[in-house]
């Protein structure tokens, strides 16, 4: 992108990222640097370099060095803060998220200054463009870091912020968005919810081996399994924010609820069939349930995962 206004070149080097799913935020610790045309007047230089992180709550901003490099002024420092991002948990726990660091100029409009990534500095490292700003030893127990991306654009505010002396009724500021694409390590999450759910459904599955005359035992087993599954889903949902859509995990749980309910229906049905003397039909339903129950569940799980 070509900038007609003076440019502030920005770079990041991420040290650590800790993601909080429930709060839709990430605690990020990173180094930053700015380079821009050297301005002799210190007050004007301070105004020119006044940038703000619009999606972050900064807990530490430590300037480490300021100096002139050629005809440019250079500032570097370290920041720690909580950065908010818009999540998408439809595929949870197989979801992919975009962690965001968003920077805007706090004083000057986009016709006075533009913010852009410091591509020259990144190109000097020879590092893959898709991993710019990521430390080689950056790790997380929960996610994999797939790639990064810079996006330079502008933010239009439809207000004069109360300054009626301005000719324009709206303001436009340069903005630089830095995305870190992450993918969840799905295996531990899958084991965390799938194995306990399989145990719960296994208990409900036992009703197909309980004699029809023991309806009280079979009903008690299915009701207990249903309540355990609901409580378990509530426990898992504590890791996520309140969302208005179904996640992959939700669909798998709801499939389990339906199967438990159908197992209870089959129990009552076969009980009455035996009372009416229809022993063969009752036995056929019991045997059929032993095959249909696991087949439907595992087919459904594979379908939901494949379509995330």
C-alpha atoms as a PDB file:
ATOM      1  CA  UNK A   1       0.000   0.000   0.000  1.00  0.00           C
ATOM      2  CA  UNK A   2       1.322   3.471  -0.926  1.00  0.00           C
ATOM      3  CA  UNK A   3       1.018   6.270   1.629  1.00  0.00           C
ATOM      4  CA  UNK A   4       0.854   9.910   0.531  1.00  0.00           C
ATOM      5  CA  UNK A   5       0.952  11.110   4.156  1.00  0.00           C
ATOM      6  CA  UNK A   6       4.040  10.758   6.388  1.00  0.00           C
ATOM      7  CA  UNK A   7       4.182   7.193   7.695  1.00  0.00           C
ATOM      8  CA  UNK A   8       4.830   5.634  11.060  1.00  0.00           C
ATOM      9  CA  UNK A   9       6.350   2.194  10.516  1.00  0.00           C
ATOM     10  CA  UNK A  10       5.325  -0.240  13.256  1.00  0.00           C
ATOM     11  CA  UNK A  11       6.655  -3.654  14.218  1.00  0.00           C
ATOM     12  CA  UNK A  12       5.881  -6.248  16.915  1.00  0.00           C
ATOM     13  CA  UNK A  13       7.710  -9.212  18.385  1.00  0.00           C
ATOM     14  CA  UNK A  14       5.370 -11.421  20.426  1.00  0.00           C
ATOM     15  CA  UNK A  15       6.838 -13.084  23.529  1.00  0.00           C
ATOM     16  CA  UNK A  16       3.757 -14.799  24.963  1.00  0.00           C
ATOM     17  CA  UNK A  17       0.005 -15.140  24.434  1.00  0.00           C
ATOM     18  CA  UNK A  18      -2.450 -16.579  26.943  1.00  0.00           C
ATOM     19  CA  UNK A  19      -6.012 -16.853  25.620  1.00  0.00           C
ATOM     20  CA  UNK A  20      -9.102 -16.524  27.814  1.00  0.00           C
ATOM     21  CA  UNK A  21     -12.017 -18.040  25.890  1.00  0.00           C
ATOM     22  CA  UNK A  22     -14.723 -16.919  28.290  1.00  0.00           C
ATOM     23  CA  UNK A  23     -13.663 -13.259  28.241  1.00  0.00           C
ATOM     24  CA  UNK A  24     -12.795 -13.341  24.522  1.00  0.00           C
ATOM     25  CA  UNK A  25      -9.428 -11.808  25.256  1.00  0.00           C
ATOM     26  CA  UNK A  26      -5.731 -12.612  25.208  1.00  0.00           C
ATOM     27  CA  UNK A  27      -2.991 -11.583  27.611  1.00  0.00           C
ATOM     28  CA  UNK A  28      -0.128 -10.601  25.312  1.00  0.00           C
ATOM     29  CA  UNK A  29       3.448  -9.689  26.186  1.00  0.00           C
ATOM     30  CA  UNK A  30       5.387  -8.212  23.263  1.00  0.00           C
ATOM     31  CA  UNK A  31       8.116  -5.826  22.128  1.00  0.00           C
ATOM     32  CA  UNK A  32       7.203  -3.015  19.731  1.00  0.00           C
ATOM     33  CA  UNK A  33       8.985  -0.364  17.712  1.00  0.00           C
ATOM     34  CA  UNK A  34       8.048   2.743  15.738  1.00  0.00           C
ATOM     35  CA  UNK A  35      10.064   4.506  13.032  1.00  0.00           C
ATOM     36  CA  UNK A  36       8.959   7.794  11.521  1.00  0.00           C
ATOM     37  CA  UNK A  37      10.462  10.925   9.918  1.00  0.00           C
ATOM     38  CA  UNK A  38      12.642  12.742  12.409  1.00  0.00           C
ATOM     39  CA  UNK A  39      11.017  15.865  13.854  1.00  0.00           C
ATOM     40  CA  UNK A  40      13.344  18.250  15.641  1.00  0.00           C
ATOM     41  CA  UNK A  41      10.702  19.785  17.889  1.00  0.00           C
ATOM     42  CA  UNK A  42      10.117  17.370  20.799  1.00  0.00           C
ATOM     43  CA  UNK A  43       6.481  18.476  21.323  1.00  0.00           C
ATOM     44  CA  UNK A  44       5.587  17.951  17.666  1.00  0.00           C
ATOM     45  CA  UNK A  45       7.442  14.634  17.710  1.00  0.00           C
ATOM     46  CA  UNK A  46       5.472  13.491  20.761  1.00  0.00           C
ATOM     47  CA  UNK A  47       2.165  14.396  19.046  1.00  0.00           C
ATOM     48  CA  UNK A  48       3.240  12.644  15.854  1.00  0.00           C
ATOM     49  CA  UNK A  49       4.108   9.432  17.694  1.00  0.00           C
ATOM     50  CA  UNK A  50       1.050   9.341  19.981  1.00  0.00           C
ATOM     51  CA  UNK A  51      -0.519   5.971  19.183  1.00  0.00           C
ATOM     52  CA  UNK A  52      -3.134   4.010  21.105  1.00  0.00           C
ATOM     53  CA  UNK A  53      -4.170   0.361  21.222  1.00  0.00           C
ATOM     54  CA  UNK A  54      -7.922   0.607  20.714  1.00  0.00           C
ATOM     55  CA  UNK A  55      -8.786  -2.994  21.615  1.00  0.00           C
ATOM     56  CA  UNK A  56      -6.404  -3.394  24.536  1.00  0.00           C
ATOM     57  CA  UNK A  57      -6.252  -2.720  28.256  1.00  0.00           C
ATOM     58  CA  UNK A  58      -2.555  -1.963  28.725  1.00  0.00           C
ATOM     59  CA  UNK A  59      -1.073  -2.888  32.099  1.00  0.00           C
ATOM     60  CA  UNK A  60       2.541  -2.037  31.222  1.00  0.00           C
ATOM     61  CA  UNK A  61       4.066   0.185  28.545  1.00  0.00           C
ATOM     62  CA  UNK A  62       7.796   0.515  29.042  1.00  0.00           C
ATOM     63  CA  UNK A  63       9.779   2.606  26.537  1.00  0.00           C
ATOM     64  CA  UNK A  64      13.252   1.092  26.342  1.00  0.00           C
ATOM     65  CA  UNK A  65      15.065   3.246  23.809  1.00  0.00           C
ATOM     66  CA  UNK A  66      14.651   6.377  21.680  1.00  0.00           C
ATOM     67  CA  UNK A  67      17.192   7.533  19.108  1.00  0.00           C
ATOM     68  CA  UNK A  68      17.700   8.983  15.649  1.00  0.00           C
ATOM     69  CA  UNK A  69      18.580   6.544  12.850  1.00  0.00           C
ATOM     70  CA  UNK A  70      19.516   8.454   9.712  1.00  0.00           C
ATOM     71  CA  UNK A  71      16.601  10.746   8.930  1.00  0.00           C
ATOM     72  CA  UNK A  72      14.175   8.758  11.078  1.00  0.00           C
ATOM     73  CA  UNK A  73      13.290   8.736  14.752  1.00  0.00           C
ATOM     74  CA  UNK A  74      13.190   5.317  16.428  1.00  0.00           C
ATOM     75  CA  UNK A  75      11.252   4.270  19.546  1.00  0.00           C
ATOM     76  CA  UNK A  76      11.184   0.758  20.993  1.00  0.00           C
ATOM     77  CA  UNK A  77       9.592  -0.691  24.114  1.00  0.00           C
ATOM     78  CA  UNK A  78       7.693  -3.513  25.724  1.00  0.00           C
ATOM     79  CA  UNK A  79       3.972  -3.846  26.368  1.00  0.00           C
ATOM     80  CA  UNK A  80       1.819  -6.193  28.436  1.00  0.00           C
ATOM     81  CA  UNK A  81      -1.938  -6.047  28.231  1.00  0.00           C
ATOM     82  CA  UNK A  82      -5.275  -7.720  27.683  1.00  0.00           C
ATOM     83  CA  UNK A  83      -6.426  -7.523  24.063  1.00  0.00           C
ATOM     84  CA  UNK A  84     -10.027  -8.234  23.104  1.00  0.00           C
ATOM     85  CA  UNK A  85     -11.046 -10.063  19.942  1.00  0.00           C
ATOM     86  CA  UNK A  86     -14.241 -11.296  18.312  1.00  0.00           C
ATOM     87  CA  UNK A  87     -14.445 -15.071  18.712  1.00  0.00           C
ATOM     88  CA  UNK A  88     -16.177 -17.764  16.709  1.00  0.00           C
ATOM     89  CA  UNK A  89     -16.872 -20.960  18.655  1.00  0.00           C
ATOM     90  CA  UNK A  90     -19.183 -22.687  16.151  1.00  0.00           C
ATOM     91  CA  UNK A  91     -16.553 -25.394  15.621  1.00  0.00           C
ATOM     92  CA  UNK A  92     -15.445 -25.621  19.281  1.00  0.00           C
ATOM     93  CA  UNK A  93     -13.231 -27.455  20.252  1.00  0.00           C
ATOM     94  CA  UNK A  94     -11.990 -27.512  16.639  1.00  0.00           C
ATOM     95  CA  UNK A  95     -12.263 -23.737  16.312  1.00  0.00           C
ATOM     96  CA  UNK A  96      -9.769 -21.274  14.878  1.00  0.00           C
ATOM     97  CA  UNK A  97      -9.479 -17.750  16.272  1.00  0.00           C
ATOM     98  CA  UNK A  98      -7.931 -14.458  15.184  1.00  0.00           C
ATOM     99  CA  UNK A  99      -6.149 -12.673  18.027  1.00  0.00           C
ATOM    100  CA  UNK A 100      -6.030  -8.949  17.319  1.00  0.00           C
ATOM    101  CA  UNK A 101      -3.718  -6.064  18.219  1.00  0.00           C
ATOM    102  CA  UNK A 102      -5.253  -2.890  16.791  1.00  0.00           C
ATOM    103  CA  UNK A 103      -3.406   0.414  16.729  1.00  0.00           C
ATOM    104  CA  UNK A 104      -4.696   3.885  15.807  1.00  0.00           C
ATOM    105  CA  UNK A 105      -3.259   7.355  15.863  1.00  0.00           C
ATOM    106  CA  UNK A 106      -4.693   9.242  18.817  1.00  0.00           C
ATOM    107  CA  UNK A 107      -4.157  12.813  17.599  1.00  0.00           C
ATOM    108  CA  UNK A 108      -3.601  13.188  13.863  1.00  0.00           C
ATOM    109  CA  UNK A 109      -6.064  12.208  11.134  1.00  0.00           C
ATOM    110  CA  UNK A 110      -5.171   9.938   8.227  1.00  0.00           C
ATOM    111  CA  UNK A 111      -4.452  12.882   5.912  1.00  0.00           C
ATOM    112  CA  UNK A 112      -1.726  13.938   8.352  1.00  0.00           C
ATOM    113  CA  UNK A 113      -0.112  10.590   9.145  1.00  0.00           C
ATOM    114  CA  UNK A 114      -0.490   6.931   8.187  1.00  0.00           C
ATOM    115  CA  UNK A 115       0.434   3.800  10.151  1.00  0.00           C
ATOM    116  CA  UNK A 116       1.946   0.869   8.277  1.00  0.00           C
ATOM    117  CA  UNK A 117       3.896  -2.318   9.089  1.00  0.00           C
ATOM    118  CA  UNK A 118       7.677  -2.090   9.137  1.00  0.00           C
ATOM    119  CA  UNK A 119       8.156  -4.483   6.229  1.00  0.00           C
ATOM    120  CA  UNK A 120      11.813  -3.502   5.741  1.00  0.00           C
ATOM    121  CA  UNK A 121      12.721  -4.691   9.231  1.00  0.00           C
ATOM    122  CA  UNK A 122      10.793  -7.953   8.848  1.00  0.00           C
ATOM    123  CA  UNK A 123      12.267  -8.670   5.402  1.00  0.00           C
ATOM    124  CA  UNK A 124      15.788  -8.284   6.825  1.00  0.00           C
ATOM    125  CA  UNK A 125      15.166 -11.254   9.131  1.00  0.00           C
ATOM    126  CA  UNK A 126      14.387 -13.572   6.210  1.00  0.00           C
ATOM    127  CA  UNK A 127      11.538 -15.028   8.201  1.00  0.00           C
ATOM    128  CA  UNK A 128       8.439 -16.439   6.536  1.00  0.00           C
ATOM    129  CA  UNK A 129       6.040 -13.551   5.856  1.00  0.00           C
ATOM    130  CA  UNK A 130       3.184 -15.494   7.471  1.00  0.00           C
ATOM    131  CA  UNK A 131       5.062 -15.585  10.786  1.00  0.00           C
ATOM    132  CA  UNK A 132       6.153 -11.962  11.050  1.00  0.00           C
ATOM    133  CA  UNK A 133       6.244 -10.834  14.656  1.00  0.00           C
ATOM    134  CA  UNK A 134       6.120 -14.331  16.186  1.00  0.00           C
ATOM    135  CA  UNK A 135       8.983 -15.537  18.371  1.00  0.00           C
ATOM    136  CA  UNK A 136      10.408 -18.927  17.384  1.00  0.00           C
ATOM    137  CA  UNK A 137       9.958 -20.206  20.926  1.00  0.00           C
ATOM    138  CA  UNK A 138       6.386 -18.910  21.280  1.00  0.00           C
ATOM    139  CA  UNK A 139       4.332 -21.838  22.575  1.00  0.00           C
ATOM    140  CA  UNK A 140       0.993 -22.449  24.197  1.00  0.00           C
ATOM    141  CA  UNK A 141      -0.430 -25.586  25.767  1.00  0.00           C
ATOM    142  CA  UNK A 142      -3.836 -24.869  24.241  1.00  0.00           C
ATOM    143  CA  UNK A 143      -3.289 -23.598  20.684  1.00  0.00           C
ATOM    144  CA  UNK A 144      -1.044 -23.721  17.646  1.00  0.00           C
ATOM    145  CA  UNK A 145       0.103 -20.453  16.056  1.00  0.00           C
ATOM    146  CA  UNK A 146      -0.573 -20.725  12.329  1.00  0.00           C
ATOM    147  CA  UNK A 147       0.191 -17.312  10.814  1.00  0.00           C
ATOM    148  CA  UNK A 148       0.141 -13.543  11.289  1.00  0.00           C
ATOM    149  CA  UNK A 149      -1.171 -10.752   9.108  1.00  0.00           C
ATOM    150  CA  UNK A 150      -0.961  -6.954   9.006  1.00  0.00           C
ATOM    151  CA  UNK A 151      -3.869  -4.906   7.674  1.00  0.00           C
ATOM    152  CA  UNK A 152      -3.492  -1.132   7.231  1.00  0.00           C
ATOM    153  CA  UNK A 153      -6.703   0.838   6.736  1.00  0.00           C
ATOM    154  CA  UNK A 154      -8.571   3.727   8.341  1.00  0.00           C
ATOM    155  CA  UNK A 155     -11.295   4.175  10.938  1.00  0.00           C
ATOM    156  CA  UNK A 156     -14.018   6.734  10.311  1.00  0.00           C
ATOM    157  CA  UNK A 157     -15.737   8.250  13.335  1.00  0.00           C
ATOM    158  CA  UNK A 158     -19.107   9.802  12.484  1.00  0.00           C
ATOM    159  CA  UNK A 159     -18.687  12.590  15.006  1.00  0.00           C
ATOM    160  CA  UNK A 160     -16.762  15.812  15.579  1.00  0.00           C
ATOM    161  CA  UNK A 161     -16.199  14.768  19.222  1.00  0.00           C
ATOM    162  CA  UNK A 162     -17.868  18.020  20.315  1.00  0.00           C
ATOM    163  CA  UNK A 163     -15.380  20.304  18.562  1.00  0.00           C
ATOM    164  CA  UNK A 164     -17.832  22.479  16.594  1.00  0.00           C
ATOM    165  CA  UNK A 165     -14.963  24.602  15.282  1.00  0.00           C
ATOM    166  CA  UNK A 166     -14.029  21.820  12.878  1.00  0.00           C
ATOM    167  CA  UNK A 167     -15.234  22.078   9.285  1.00  0.00           C
ATOM    168  CA  UNK A 168     -15.637  18.313   8.935  1.00  0.00           C
ATOM    169  CA  UNK A 169     -18.459  16.563  10.798  1.00  0.00           C
ATOM    170  CA  UNK A 170     -16.538  13.296  10.964  1.00  0.00           C
ATOM    171  CA  UNK A 171     -12.954  12.216  11.488  1.00  0.00           C
ATOM    172  CA  UNK A 172     -10.842   9.537   9.843  1.00  0.00           C
ATOM    173  CA  UNK A 173      -7.796   8.034  11.551  1.00  0.00           C
ATOM    174  CA  UNK A 174      -5.152   5.646  10.304  1.00  0.00           C
ATOM    175  CA  UNK A 175      -5.411   2.153  11.784  1.00  0.00           C
ATOM    176  CA  UNK A 176      -3.115  -0.860  11.751  1.00  0.00           C
ATOM    177  CA  UNK A 177      -4.535  -4.279  12.628  1.00  0.00           C
ATOM    178  CA  UNK A 178      -2.206  -7.152  13.449  1.00  0.00           C
ATOM    179  CA  UNK A 179      -3.826 -10.599  13.447  1.00  0.00           C
ATOM    180  CA  UNK A 180      -2.421 -13.767  14.993  1.00  0.00           C
ATOM    181  CA  UNK A 181      -4.252 -16.805  13.648  1.00  0.00           C
ATOM    182  CA  UNK A 182      -4.446 -19.636  16.167  1.00  0.00           C
ATOM    183  CA  UNK A 183      -5.865 -23.143  16.009  1.00  0.00           C
ATOM    184  CA  UNK A 184      -6.884 -25.031  19.108  1.00  0.00           C
ATOM    185  CA  UNK A 185      -5.085 -28.206  20.079  1.00  0.00           C
ATOM    186  CA  UNK A 186      -8.285 -30.222  19.841  1.00  0.00           C
ATOM    187  CA  UNK A 187      -7.042 -33.586  21.169  1.00  0.00           C
ATOM    188  CA  UNK A 188      -7.014 -32.793  24.921  1.00  0.00           C
ATOM    189  CA  UNK A 189     -10.326 -30.936  24.611  1.00  0.00           C
ATOM    190  CA  UNK A 190     -11.886 -33.838  22.712  1.00  0.00           C
ATOM    191  CA  UNK A 191     -10.726 -36.349  25.315  1.00  0.00           C
ATOM    192  CA  UNK A 192     -11.904 -34.013  28.059  1.00  0.00           C
ATOM    193  CA  UNK A 193     -15.525 -34.065  26.935  1.00  0.00           C
ATOM    194  CA  UNK A 194     -15.872 -37.163  24.745  1.00  0.00           C
ATOM    195  CA  UNK A 195     -14.582 -39.833  27.140  1.00  0.00           C
ATOM    196  CA  UNK A 196     -16.840 -38.801  30.078  1.00  0.00           C
ATOM    197  CA  UNK A 197     -19.778 -38.460  27.666  1.00  0.00           C
ATOM    198  CA  UNK A 198     -19.113 -41.960  26.333  1.00  0.00           C
ATOM    199  CA  UNK A 199     -19.197 -43.312  29.893  1.00  0.00           C
ATOM    200  CA  UNK A 200     -22.516 -41.559  30.549  1.00  0.00           C
ATOM    201  CA  UNK A 201     -24.016 -42.847  27.287  1.00  0.00           C
ATOM    202  CA  UNK A 202     -22.587 -46.286  28.067  1.00  0.00           C
ATOM    203  CA  UNK A 203     -24.675 -46.366  31.225  1.00  0.00           C
ATOM    204  CA  UNK A 204     -27.776 -45.439  29.228  1.00  0.00           C
ATOM    205  CA  UNK A 205     -26.870 -48.111  26.663  1.00  0.00           C
ATOM    206  CA  UNK A 206     -27.111 -50.805  29.329  1.00  0.00           C
ATOM    207  CA  UNK A 207     -30.919 -50.526  29.279  1.00  0.00           C
ATOM    208  CA  UNK A 208     -30.899 -52.625  26.103  1.00  0.00           C
ATOM    209  CA  UNK A 209     -29.579 -55.523  28.208  1.00  0.00           C
ATOM    210  CA  UNK A 210     -31.973 -55.125  31.118  1.00  0.00           C
ATOM    211  CA  UNK A 211     -35.051 -57.367  31.018  1.00  0.00           C
ATOM    212  CA  UNK A 212     -38.202 -55.498  30.049  1.00  0.00           C
ATOM    213  CA  UNK A 213     -39.926 -56.383  33.323  1.00  0.00           C
ATOM    214  CA  UNK A 214     -37.267 -54.386  35.231  1.00  0.00           C
ATOM    215  CA  UNK A 215     -38.619 -51.118  33.852  1.00  0.00           C
ATOM    216  CA  UNK A 216     -38.007 -49.227  37.102  1.00  0.00           C
ATOM    217  CA  UNK A 217     -34.280 -50.025  36.988  1.00  0.00           C
ATOM    218  CA  UNK A 218     -34.007 -49.160  33.294  1.00  0.00           C
ATOM    219  CA  UNK A 219     -35.851 -45.842  33.682  1.00  0.00           C
ATOM    220  CA  UNK A 220     -33.728 -44.907  36.668  1.00  0.00           C
ATOM    221  CA  UNK A 221     -30.598 -45.590  34.651  1.00  0.00           C
ATOM    222  CA  UNK A 222     -31.671 -43.425  31.705  1.00  0.00           C
ATOM    223  CA  UNK A 223     -32.850 -40.556  33.910  1.00  0.00           C
ATOM    224  CA  UNK A 224     -29.571 -40.594  35.849  1.00  0.00           C
ATOM    225  CA  UNK A 225     -27.593 -40.633  32.601  1.00  0.00           C
ATOM    226  CA  UNK A 226     -29.585 -37.704  31.221  1.00  0.00           C
ATOM    227  CA  UNK A 227     -29.068 -35.589  34.337  1.00  0.00           C
ATOM    228  CA  UNK A 228     -25.355 -36.423  34.403  1.00  0.00           C
ATOM    229  CA  UNK A 229     -24.973 -35.412  30.739  1.00  0.00           C
ATOM    230  CA  UNK A 230     -26.745 -32.079  31.339  1.00  0.00           C
ATOM    231  CA  UNK A 231     -24.592 -31.304  34.381  1.00  0.00           C
ATOM    232  CA  UNK A 232     -21.453 -32.222  32.454  1.00  0.00           C
ATOM    233  CA  UNK A 233     -22.388 -29.925  29.562  1.00  0.00           C
ATOM    234  CA  UNK A 234     -22.938 -27.033  31.979  1.00  0.00           C
ATOM    235  CA  UNK A 235     -19.479 -27.650  33.426  1.00  0.00           C
ATOM    236  CA  UNK A 236     -17.844 -27.547  30.001  1.00  0.00           C
ATOM    237  CA  UNK A 237     -19.751 -24.411  28.983  1.00  0.00           C
ATOM    238  CA  UNK A 238     -18.005 -22.482  31.790  1.00  0.00           C
ATOM    239  CA  UNK A 239     -14.985 -22.272  29.487  1.00  0.00           C
ATOM    240  CA  UNK A 240     -16.935 -20.308  26.860  1.00  0.00           C
ATOM    241  CA  UNK A 241     -18.809 -16.997  26.773  1.00  0.00           C
ATOM    242  CA  UNK A 242     -22.576 -16.918  26.309  1.00  0.00           C
ATOM    243  CA  UNK A 243     -23.158 -17.301  22.575  1.00  0.00           C
ATOM    244  CA  UNK A 244     -26.358 -17.341  20.557  1.00  0.00           C
ATOM    245  CA  UNK A 245     -25.475 -20.365  18.431  1.00  0.00           C
ATOM    246  CA  UNK A 246     -24.723 -24.057  18.833  1.00  0.00           C
ATOM    247  CA  UNK A 247     -21.126 -25.205  19.008  1.00  0.00           C
ATOM    248  CA  UNK A 248     -19.940 -28.586  17.752  1.00  0.00           C
ATOM    249  CA  UNK A 249     -19.845 -29.822  21.359  1.00  0.00           C
ATOM    250  CA  UNK A 250     -23.442 -28.665  21.918  1.00  0.00           C
ATOM    251  CA  UNK A 251     -24.632 -30.660  18.897  1.00  0.00           C
ATOM    252  CA  UNK A 252     -22.901 -33.798  20.154  1.00  0.00           C
ATOM    253  CA  UNK A 253     -24.486 -33.393  23.602  1.00  0.00           C
ATOM    254  CA  UNK A 254     -27.945 -32.816  22.129  1.00  0.00           C
ATOM    255  CA  UNK A 255     -27.547 -35.943  20.024  1.00  0.00           C
ATOM    256  CA  UNK A 256     -26.729 -37.799  23.248  1.00  0.00           C
ATOM    257  CA  UNK A 257     -29.861 -36.375  24.922  1.00  0.00           C
ATOM    258  CA  UNK A 258     -32.039 -37.580  22.048  1.00  0.00           C
ATOM    259  CA  UNK A 259     -30.535 -41.060  22.178  1.00  0.00           C
ATOM    260  CA  UNK A 260     -31.028 -41.303  25.953  1.00  0.00           C
ATOM    261  CA  UNK A 261     -34.645 -40.182  25.542  1.00  0.00           C
ATOM    262  CA  UNK A 262     -35.216 -42.765  22.790  1.00  0.00           C
ATOM    263  CA  UNK A 263     -33.649 -45.447  24.997  1.00  0.00           C
ATOM    264  CA  UNK A 264     -36.196 -44.569  27.684  1.00  0.00           C
ATOM    265  CA  UNK A 265     -39.039 -44.686  25.152  1.00  0.00           C
ATOM    266  CA  UNK A 266     -37.848 -48.086  23.969  1.00  0.00           C
ATOM    267  CA  UNK A 267     -37.737 -49.326  27.580  1.00  0.00           C
ATOM    268  CA  UNK A 268     -41.347 -48.361  28.243  1.00  0.00           C
ATOM    269  CA  UNK A 269     -42.470 -49.696  24.867  1.00  0.00           C
ATOM    270  CA  UNK A 270     -40.840 -53.120  25.263  1.00  0.00           C
ATOM    271  CA  UNK A 271     -42.241 -53.371  28.789  1.00  0.00           C
ATOM    272  CA  UNK A 272     -45.796 -53.000  27.467  1.00  0.00           C
ATOM    273  CA  UNK A 273     -45.118 -55.316  24.530  1.00  0.00           C
ATOM    274  CA  UNK A 274     -44.100 -58.075  26.930  1.00  0.00           C
ATOM    275  CA  UNK A 275     -47.178 -57.443  29.068  1.00  0.00           C
ATOM    276  CA  UNK A 276     -49.263 -57.897  25.918  1.00  0.00           C
ATOM    277  CA  UNK A 277     -47.469 -61.158  25.119  1.00  0.00           C
ATOM    278  CA  UNK A 278     -45.513 -59.805  22.122  1.00  0.00           C
ATOM    279  CA  UNK A 279     -42.237 -61.287  23.299  1.00  0.00           C
ATOM    280  CA  UNK A 280     -40.613 -61.641  19.854  1.00  0.00           C
ATOM    281  CA  UNK A 281     -41.266 -58.013  18.912  1.00  0.00           C
ATOM    282  CA  UNK A 282     -39.976 -56.870  22.283  1.00  0.00           C
ATOM    283  CA  UNK A 283     -36.760 -58.883  21.870  1.00  0.00           C
ATOM    284  CA  UNK A 284     -36.323 -57.591  18.310  1.00  0.00           C
ATOM    285  CA  UNK A 285     -36.533 -53.992  19.556  1.00  0.00           C
ATOM    286  CA  UNK A 286     -33.989 -54.717  22.271  1.00  0.00           C
ATOM    287  CA  UNK A 287     -31.528 -56.221  19.775  1.00  0.00           C
ATOM    288  CA  UNK A 288     -32.140 -53.427  17.277  1.00  0.00           C
ATOM    289  CA  UNK A 289     -31.486 -50.799  19.928  1.00  0.00           C
ATOM    290  CA  UNK A 290     -28.126 -52.388  20.755  1.00  0.00           C
ATOM    291  CA  UNK A 291     -27.003 -51.696  17.166  1.00  0.00           C
ATOM    292  CA  UNK A 292     -28.816 -48.466  16.356  1.00  0.00           C
ATOM    293  CA  UNK A 293     -27.814 -46.564  19.534  1.00  0.00           C
ATOM    294  CA  UNK A 294     -24.001 -46.623  19.013  1.00  0.00           C
ATOM    295  CA  UNK A 295     -24.293 -46.443  15.216  1.00  0.00           C
ATOM    296  CA  UNK A 296     -26.353 -43.242  15.308  1.00  0.00           C
ATOM    297  CA  UNK A 297     -24.133 -41.637  17.945  1.00  0.00           C
ATOM    298  CA  UNK A 298     -20.778 -42.239  16.257  1.00  0.00           C
ATOM    299  CA  UNK A 299     -22.171 -41.396  12.813  1.00  0.00           C
ATOM    300  CA  UNK A 300     -23.516 -38.134  14.224  1.00  0.00           C
ATOM    301  CA  UNK A 301     -20.213 -37.286  15.919  1.00  0.00           C
ATOM    302  CA  UNK A 302     -18.273 -37.885  12.705  1.00  0.00           C
ATOM    303  CA  UNK A 303     -20.791 -35.785  10.753  1.00  0.00           C
ATOM    304  CA  UNK A 304     -20.630 -32.845  13.172  1.00  0.00           C
ATOM    305  CA  UNK A 305     -16.831 -32.864  13.270  1.00  0.00           C
ATOM    306  CA  UNK A 306     -16.508 -33.199   9.492  1.00  0.00           C
ATOM    307  CA  UNK A 307     -18.827 -30.233   8.971  1.00  0.00           C
ATOM    308  CA  UNK A 308     -17.195 -27.852  11.455  1.00  0.00           C
END
